[in-house]
Amino acid sequence: MTQSIAIALLSGGLDSMVAAARAREDGHRLLALSIDYNQRHQVELAAARRIAAVLGAERHVVLPLDLRAFGGSALTAEIDVPKTGVGDDIPVTYVPARNTIFLSLALGWAEAAGARDIYIGVNALDYSGYPDCRPEFIAEFEKLAEIATKAGVEGEPFHIRAPLQHMTKADIVREAARLGLDAGISWSCYDPALGSLHCGLCDSCRLRAKGFEEAGLPDPTRYAVPA
């Protein structure tokens, strides 16, 4: 039997690294897709390139898509990244419809490449309130893919794999360790400090540090300020 292909959305973060590694563990040949959406910094794309190489991706596409033309987020406009702690509301670091856009691009490549599995590293527990990380969103996008593509209409449905969906950040840290991954090559910070350091204060840094602490595993992350 020919080994199946999977598309993995690879941001450079810990979650996407673990999700992509799960695709490989599930027996798929790996194609990695990263989106250069003119986000606040490029360091996460450098991390994505490292991760794609380590995981043995057969191809890694870094696709340019300038979402700064739309703005509306602290990651795509001149809006300060909040650093006062994780709140209950959807934070200003939410990029409008980002996962819908990214999954649509991954779906296009999947159909062109003959892949039927798309892996994304969303999780619904430690997710900073983003609506496009919820299980309902993933389920509905999978339904959309079935009616929006030639393959789906002809009876070859796509599967949106979100293996971290119901994990906490501590669970994800433990999963990275189980898979033998070097979490230190991933990048999570929304607002890097000088010297390629994680700031230690943004929501993403706080969740990352909390995950390592609760997992009881050493945190390889270099923070400008202890998170």
C-alpha atoms as a PDB file:
ATOM      1  CA  MET A   1       0.000   0.000   0.000  1.00  0.00           C
ATOM      2  CA  THR A   2       1.140   3.538  -0.751  1.00  0.00           C
ATOM      3  CA  GLN A   3       1.768   5.540   2.411  1.00  0.00           C
ATOM      4  CA  SER A   4      -0.799   8.303   2.829  1.00  0.00           C
ATOM      5  CA  ILE A   5       0.090  11.988   2.842  1.00  0.00           C
ATOM      6  CA  ALA A   6      -0.912  14.490   5.514  1.00  0.00           C
ATOM      7  CA  ILE A   7      -0.724  18.277   5.473  1.00  0.00           C
ATOM      8  CA  ALA A   8       0.373  19.774   8.798  1.00  0.00           C
ATOM      9  CA  LEU A   9      -0.142  23.448   9.559  1.00  0.00           C
ATOM     10  CA  LEU A  10       3.122  24.449  11.180  1.00  0.00           C
ATOM     11  CA  SER A  11       3.300  27.826  12.919  1.00  0.00           C
ATOM     12  CA  GLY A  12       6.558  27.192  14.754  1.00  0.00           C
ATOM     13  CA  GLY A  13       4.801  26.870  18.105  1.00  0.00           C
ATOM     14  CA  LEU A  14       4.851  23.940  20.493  1.00  0.00           C
ATOM     15  CA  ASP A  15       1.291  22.892  19.696  1.00  0.00           C
ATOM     16  CA  SER A  16       1.782  22.758  15.934  1.00  0.00           C
ATOM     17  CA  MET A  17       5.056  20.874  16.391  1.00  0.00           C
ATOM     18  CA  VAL A  18       3.349  18.187  18.475  1.00  0.00           C
ATOM     19  CA  ALA A  19       0.410  17.942  16.052  1.00  0.00           C
ATOM     20  CA  ALA A  20       2.781  17.513  13.097  1.00  0.00           C
ATOM     21  CA  ALA A  21       4.737  14.868  14.995  1.00  0.00           C
ATOM     22  CA  ARG A  22       1.467  13.029  15.628  1.00  0.00           C
ATOM     23  CA  ALA A  23       0.819  13.022  11.878  1.00  0.00           C
ATOM     24  CA  ARG A  24       4.160  11.339  11.381  1.00  0.00           C
ATOM     25  CA  GLU A  25       3.474   8.884  14.226  1.00  0.00           C
ATOM     26  CA  ASP A  26       0.130   8.060  12.601  1.00  0.00           C
ATOM     27  CA  GLY A  27       2.080   6.784   9.610  1.00  0.00           C
ATOM     28  CA  HIS A  28       1.645   9.651   7.160  1.00  0.00           C
ATOM     29  CA  ARG A  29       4.178  11.184   4.836  1.00  0.00           C
ATOM     30  CA  LEU A  30       4.424  14.776   5.970  1.00  0.00           C
ATOM     31  CA  LEU A  31       3.915  17.986   4.023  1.00  0.00           C
ATOM     32  CA  ALA A  32       4.242  21.117   6.184  1.00  0.00           C
ATOM     33  CA  LEU A  33       2.511  24.429   5.535  1.00  0.00           C
ATOM     34  CA  SER A  34       3.430  27.682   7.273  1.00  0.00           C
ATOM     35  CA  ILE A  35       1.793  31.022   6.541  1.00  0.00           C
ATOM     36  CA  ASP A  36       3.912  34.157   6.457  1.00  0.00           C
ATOM     37  CA  TYR A  37       1.028  36.524   7.163  1.00  0.00           C
ATOM     38  CA  ASN A  38       3.280  39.500   7.916  1.00  0.00           C
ATOM     39  CA  GLN A  39       2.831  38.839  11.601  1.00  0.00           C
ATOM     40  CA  ARG A  40       4.601  40.893  14.233  1.00  0.00           C
ATOM     41  CA  HIS A  41       7.807  38.869  14.009  1.00  0.00           C
ATOM     42  CA  GLN A  42       9.504  36.301  11.774  1.00  0.00           C
ATOM     43  CA  VAL A  43      11.167  34.248  14.501  1.00  0.00           C
ATOM     44  CA  GLU A  44       8.290  31.766  14.618  1.00  0.00           C
ATOM     45  CA  LEU A  45       8.738  31.048  10.904  1.00  0.00           C
ATOM     46  CA  ALA A  46      12.400  30.281  11.562  1.00  0.00           C
ATOM     47  CA  ALA A  47      11.187  27.859  14.242  1.00  0.00           C
ATOM     48  CA  ALA A  48       8.753  26.312  11.760  1.00  0.00           C
ATOM     49  CA  ARG A  49      11.612  25.678   9.338  1.00  0.00           C
ATOM     50  CA  ARG A  50      13.635  23.970  12.088  1.00  0.00           C
ATOM     51  CA  ILE A  51      10.694  21.804  13.082  1.00  0.00           C
ATOM     52  CA  ALA A  52       9.877  20.799   9.493  1.00  0.00           C
ATOM     53  CA  ALA A  53      13.475  19.686   9.027  1.00  0.00           C
ATOM     54  CA  VAL A  54      13.572  17.743  12.303  1.00  0.00           C
ATOM     55  CA  LEU A  55      10.293  15.975  11.504  1.00  0.00           C
ATOM     56  CA  GLY A  56      11.482  15.042   8.037  1.00  0.00           C
ATOM     57  CA  ALA A  57       8.793  16.876   6.087  1.00  0.00           C
ATOM     58  CA  GLU A  58       9.064  15.988   2.418  1.00  0.00           C
ATOM     59  CA  ARG A  59       8.200  19.558   1.547  1.00  0.00           C
ATOM     60  CA  HIS A  60       7.750  22.713   3.617  1.00  0.00           C
ATOM     61  CA  VAL A  61       5.860  25.549   1.967  1.00  0.00           C
ATOM     62  CA  VAL A  62       6.050  29.001   3.578  1.00  0.00           C
ATOM     63  CA  LEU A  63       3.208  30.799   1.866  1.00  0.00           C
ATOM     64  CA  PRO A  64       3.122  34.620   1.878  1.00  0.00           C
ATOM     65  CA  LEU A  65      -0.252  36.172   2.749  1.00  0.00           C
ATOM     66  CA  ASP A  66      -0.191  39.748   4.042  1.00  0.00           C
ATOM     67  CA  LEU A  67      -2.924  39.945   6.677  1.00  0.00           C
ATOM     68  CA  ARG A  68      -1.585  43.345   7.752  1.00  0.00           C
ATOM     69  CA  ALA A  69      -3.654  44.639   4.846  1.00  0.00           C
ATOM     70  CA  PHE A  70      -6.677  43.825   7.035  1.00  0.00           C
ATOM     71  CA  GLY A  71      -5.232  44.435  10.514  1.00  0.00           C
ATOM     72  CA  GLY A  72      -7.607  43.958  13.426  1.00  0.00           C
ATOM     73  CA  SER A  73      -5.156  42.151  15.713  1.00  0.00           C
ATOM     74  CA  ALA A  74      -2.147  42.919  17.883  1.00  0.00           C
ATOM     75  CA  LEU A  75      -0.267  40.479  15.656  1.00  0.00           C
ATOM     76  CA  THR A  76      -1.107  42.271  12.389  1.00  0.00           C
ATOM     77  CA  ALA A  77      -1.478  45.935  13.380  1.00  0.00           C
ATOM     78  CA  GLU A  78       0.186  48.529  15.582  1.00  0.00           C
ATOM     79  CA  ILE A  79      -1.684  47.404  18.694  1.00  0.00           C
ATOM     80  CA  ASP A  80       0.138  46.602  21.922  1.00  0.00           C
ATOM     81  CA  VAL A  81       0.312  42.952  22.929  1.00  0.00           C
ATOM     82  CA  PRO A  82      -1.363  42.634  26.364  1.00  0.00           C
ATOM     83  CA  LYS A  83       0.945  41.540  29.157  1.00  0.00           C
ATOM     84  CA  THR A  84      -1.208  41.730  32.267  1.00  0.00           C
ATOM     85  CA  GLY A  85      -2.256  38.076  32.362  1.00  0.00           C
ATOM     86  CA  VAL A  86      -4.666  35.701  30.660  1.00  0.00           C
ATOM     87  CA  GLY A  87      -8.234  36.976  30.856  1.00  0.00           C
ATOM     88  CA  ASP A  88     -11.687  35.561  30.106  1.00  0.00           C
ATOM     89  CA  ASP A  89     -12.446  37.594  26.976  1.00  0.00           C
ATOM     90  CA  ILE A  90     -11.214  36.944  23.443  1.00  0.00           C
ATOM     91  CA  PRO A  91      -7.878  38.796  23.469  1.00  0.00           C
ATOM     92  CA  VAL A  92      -6.654  41.361  20.968  1.00  0.00           C
ATOM     93  CA  THR A  93      -4.061  38.812  19.777  1.00  0.00           C
ATOM     94  CA  TYR A  94      -6.913  37.000  18.007  1.00  0.00           C
ATOM     95  CA  VAL A  95      -6.360  37.340  14.246  1.00  0.00           C
ATOM     96  CA  PRO A  96      -9.752  37.577  12.489  1.00  0.00           C
ATOM     97  CA  ALA A  97     -10.727  34.214  10.959  1.00  0.00           C
ATOM     98  CA  ARG A  98      -7.082  33.061  10.960  1.00  0.00           C
ATOM     99  CA  ASN A  99      -7.670  29.324  11.324  1.00  0.00           C
ATOM    100  CA  THR A 100     -10.466  29.443   8.740  1.00  0.00           C
ATOM    101  CA  ILE A 101      -8.064  31.079   6.302  1.00  0.00           C
ATOM    102  CA  PHE A 102      -5.188  28.730   7.134  1.00  0.00           C
ATOM    103  CA  LEU A 103      -7.289  25.578   6.945  1.00  0.00           C
ATOM    104  CA  SER A 104      -8.698  26.711   3.599  1.00  0.00           C
ATOM    105  CA  LEU A 105      -5.170  27.032   2.224  1.00  0.00           C
ATOM    106  CA  ALA A 106      -4.203  23.657   3.705  1.00  0.00           C
ATOM    107  CA  LEU A 107      -7.323  22.148   2.140  1.00  0.00           C
ATOM    108  CA  GLY A 108      -6.340  23.481  -1.276  1.00  0.00           C
ATOM    109  CA  TRP A 109      -2.893  21.944  -1.015  1.00  0.00           C
ATOM    110  CA  ALA A 110      -4.316  18.701   0.375  1.00  0.00           C
ATOM    111  CA  GLU A 111      -6.605  18.265  -2.619  1.00  0.00           C
ATOM    112  CA  ALA A 112      -3.825  19.099  -5.062  1.00  0.00           C
ATOM    113  CA  ALA A 113      -1.376  16.722  -3.351  1.00  0.00           C
ATOM    114  CA  GLY A 114      -3.801  13.840  -2.913  1.00  0.00           C
ATOM    115  CA  ALA A 115      -3.794  14.172   0.884  1.00  0.00           C
ATOM    116  CA  ARG A 116      -6.965  13.552   2.857  1.00  0.00           C
ATOM    117  CA  ASP A 117      -5.714  14.381   6.356  1.00  0.00           C
ATOM    118  CA  ILE A 118      -4.955  17.877   7.645  1.00  0.00           C
ATOM    119  CA  TYR A 119      -3.354  18.288  11.068  1.00  0.00           C
ATOM    120  CA  ILE A 120      -3.729  21.450  13.123  1.00  0.00           C
ATOM    121  CA  GLY A 121      -2.486  22.089  16.654  1.00  0.00           C
ATOM    122  CA  VAL A 122      -5.546  23.771  18.164  1.00  0.00           C
ATOM    123  CA  ASN A 123      -6.698  22.958  21.671  1.00  0.00           C
ATOM    124  CA  ALA A 124      -9.889  24.017  23.398  1.00  0.00           C
ATOM    125  CA  LEU A 125      -8.691  24.155  27.002  1.00  0.00           C
ATOM    126  CA  ASP A 126      -5.624  26.440  27.202  1.00  0.00           C
ATOM    127  CA  TYR A 127      -6.494  28.382  24.062  1.00  0.00           C
ATOM    128  CA  SER A 128      -6.841  32.022  25.224  1.00  0.00           C
ATOM    129  CA  GLY A 129     -10.501  32.099  24.204  1.00  0.00           C
ATOM    130  CA  TYR A 130      -9.991  31.935  20.431  1.00  0.00           C
ATOM    131  CA  PRO A 131     -13.276  30.904  18.744  1.00  0.00           C
ATOM    132  CA  ASP A 132     -11.476  29.131  15.889  1.00  0.00           C
ATOM    133  CA  CYS A 133      -9.871  26.646  18.272  1.00  0.00           C
ATOM    134  CA  ARG A 134     -13.153  25.103  19.420  1.00  0.00           C
ATOM    135  CA  PRO A 135     -14.217  21.528  18.577  1.00  0.00           C
ATOM    136  CA  GLU A 136     -17.383  22.899  16.928  1.00  0.00           C
ATOM    137  CA  PHE A 137     -15.293  24.905  14.486  1.00  0.00           C
ATOM    138  CA  ILE A 138     -13.122  21.931  13.531  1.00  0.00           C
ATOM    139  CA  ALA A 139     -16.181  19.709  13.029  1.00  0.00           C
ATOM    140  CA  GLU A 140     -17.974  22.268  10.867  1.00  0.00           C
ATOM    141  CA  PHE A 141     -14.895  22.972   8.734  1.00  0.00           C
ATOM    142  CA  GLU A 142     -14.605  19.252   8.039  1.00  0.00           C
ATOM    143  CA  LYS A 143     -18.214  19.279   6.822  1.00  0.00           C
ATOM    144  CA  LEU A 144     -17.453  22.301   4.655  1.00  0.00           C
ATOM    145  CA  ALA A 145     -14.461  20.531   3.104  1.00  0.00           C
ATOM    146  CA  GLU A 146     -16.714  17.654   2.055  1.00  0.00           C
ATOM    147  CA  ILE A 147     -19.051  19.871   0.008  1.00  0.00           C
ATOM    148  CA  ALA A 148     -16.517  22.465  -1.162  1.00  0.00           C
ATOM    149  CA  THR A 149     -14.064  20.183  -2.995  1.00  0.00           C
ATOM    150  CA  LYS A 150     -14.102  17.865  -5.986  1.00  0.00           C
ATOM    151  CA  ALA A 151     -12.634  15.089  -3.850  1.00  0.00           C
ATOM    152  CA  GLY A 152     -15.283  15.498  -1.175  1.00  0.00           C
ATOM    153  CA  VAL A 153     -18.164  15.541  -3.641  1.00  0.00           C
ATOM    154  CA  GLU A 154     -16.763  12.411  -5.296  1.00  0.00           C
ATOM    155  CA  GLY A 155     -16.722  10.509  -2.006  1.00  0.00           C
ATOM    156  CA  GLU A 156     -13.179  11.117  -0.773  1.00  0.00           C
ATOM    157  CA  PRO A 157     -13.762  13.212   2.358  1.00  0.00           C
ATOM    158  CA  PHE A 158     -11.086  15.149   4.162  1.00  0.00           C
ATOM    159  CA  HIS A 159     -10.328  14.716   7.847  1.00  0.00           C
ATOM    160  CA  ILE A 160      -9.299  17.678   9.975  1.00  0.00           C
ATOM    161  CA  ARG A 161      -7.132  16.139  12.671  1.00  0.00           C
ATOM    162  CA  ALA A 162      -6.824  18.127  15.887  1.00  0.00           C
ATOM    163  CA  PRO A 163      -5.051  15.616  18.153  1.00  0.00           C
ATOM    164  CA  LEU A 164      -4.465  18.193  20.901  1.00  0.00           C
ATOM    165  CA  GLN A 165      -8.082  19.367  20.951  1.00  0.00           C
ATOM    166  CA  HIS A 166      -8.864  18.353  24.521  1.00  0.00           C
ATOM    167  CA  MET A 167      -5.378  18.643  26.017  1.00  0.00           C
ATOM    168  CA  THR A 168      -4.163  21.203  28.492  1.00  0.00           C
ATOM    169  CA  LYS A 169      -0.819  22.853  27.858  1.00  0.00           C
ATOM    170  CA  ALA A 170       0.684  20.500  30.460  1.00  0.00           C
ATOM    171  CA  ASP A 171      -0.698  17.527  28.495  1.00  0.00           C
ATOM    172  CA  ILE A 172       0.884  18.925  25.335  1.00  0.00           C
ATOM    173  CA  VAL A 173       4.252  19.354  27.063  1.00  0.00           C
ATOM    174  CA  ARG A 174       4.093  15.724  28.207  1.00  0.00           C
ATOM    175  CA  GLU A 175       3.110  14.623  24.696  1.00  0.00           C
ATOM    176  CA  ALA A 176       6.115  16.458  23.249  1.00  0.00           C
ATOM    177  CA  ALA A 177       8.335  14.579  25.695  1.00  0.00           C
ATOM    178  CA  ARG A 178       6.692  11.249  24.825  1.00  0.00           C
ATOM    179  CA  LEU A 179       7.321  11.882  21.145  1.00  0.00           C
ATOM    180  CA  GLY A 180      10.965  12.691  21.843  1.00  0.00           C
ATOM    181  CA  LEU A 181      10.666  16.277  20.631  1.00  0.00           C
ATOM    182  CA  ASP A 182      12.963  19.124  21.636  1.00  0.00           C
ATOM    183  CA  ALA A 183      10.471  21.742  22.822  1.00  0.00           C
ATOM    184  CA  GLY A 184      13.294  24.274  22.850  1.00  0.00           C
ATOM    185  CA  ILE A 185      13.243  24.603  19.051  1.00  0.00           C
ATOM    186  CA  SER A 186       9.611  25.775  19.086  1.00  0.00           C
ATOM    187  CA  TRP A 187       8.492  29.368  19.547  1.00  0.00           C
ATOM    188  CA  SER A 188       5.405  30.670  21.356  1.00  0.00           C
ATOM    189  CA  CYS A 189       5.923  34.345  22.243  1.00  0.00           C
ATOM    190  CA  TYR A 190       3.730  37.045  20.675  1.00  0.00           C
ATOM    191  CA  ASP A 191       6.196  39.856  21.340  1.00  0.00           C
ATOM    192  CA  PRO A 192       9.854  38.719  21.340  1.00  0.00           C
ATOM    193  CA  ALA A 193      12.406  40.543  23.459  1.00  0.00           C
ATOM    194  CA  LEU A 194      15.867  41.531  22.261  1.00  0.00           C
ATOM    195  CA  GLY A 195      18.234  38.615  21.858  1.00  0.00           C
ATOM    196  CA  SER A 196      15.535  36.251  20.537  1.00  0.00           C
ATOM    197  CA  LEU A 197      14.061  35.785  23.995  1.00  0.00           C
ATOM    198  CA  HIS A 198      10.468  34.992  24.846  1.00  0.00           C
ATOM    199  CA  CYS A 199       9.058  38.073  26.601  1.00  0.00           C
ATOM    200  CA  GLY A 200       7.665  35.999  29.477  1.00  0.00           C
ATOM    201  CA  LEU A 201       4.626  38.251  29.935  1.00  0.00           C
ATOM    202  CA  CYS A 202       2.265  37.760  26.982  1.00  0.00           C
ATOM    203  CA  ASP A 203      -0.588  35.246  27.188  1.00  0.00           C
ATOM    204  CA  SER A 204       1.267  32.703  25.084  1.00  0.00           C
ATOM    205  CA  CYS A 205       4.399  32.847  27.239  1.00  0.00           C
ATOM    206  CA  ARG A 206       2.363  32.535  30.411  1.00  0.00           C
ATOM    207  CA  LEU A 207       0.479  29.489  29.100  1.00  0.00           C
ATOM    208  CA  ARG A 208       3.705  27.893  27.886  1.00  0.00           C
ATOM    209  CA  ALA A 209       5.513  28.370  31.209  1.00  0.00           C
ATOM    210  CA  LYS A 210       2.460  27.148  33.137  1.00  0.00           C
ATOM    211  CA  GLY A 211       2.359  24.039  30.961  1.00  0.00           C
ATOM    212  CA  PHE A 212       5.935  23.056  31.744  1.00  0.00           C
ATOM    213  CA  GLU A 213       5.453  23.787  35.436  1.00  0.00           C
ATOM    214  CA  GLU A 214       2.260  21.714  35.689  1.00  0.00           C
ATOM    215  CA  ALA A 215       3.798  18.910  33.639  1.00  0.00           C
ATOM    216  CA  GLY A 216       6.732  18.777  36.067  1.00  0.00           C
ATOM    217  CA  LEU A 217       9.206  18.969  33.203  1.00  0.00           C
ATOM    218  CA  PRO A 218      12.108  21.403  32.693  1.00  0.00           C
ATOM    219  CA  ASP A 219      11.268  24.404  30.540  1.00  0.00           C
ATOM    220  CA  PRO A 220      13.950  24.973  27.865  1.00  0.00           C
ATOM    221  CA  THR A 221      12.491  28.364  26.951  1.00  0.00           C
ATOM    222  CA  ARG A 222      14.649  31.473  27.372  1.00  0.00           C
ATOM    223  CA  TYR A 223      12.493  34.234  28.867  1.00  0.00           C
ATOM    224  CA  ALA A 224      13.421  37.901  29.195  1.00  0.00           C
ATOM    225  CA  VAL A 225      11.250  38.003  32.315  1.00  0.00           C
ATOM    226  CA  PRO A 226      10.387  34.838  34.274  1.00  0.00           C
ATOM    227  CA  ALA A 227       6.902  33.835  33.165  1.00  0.00           C
END
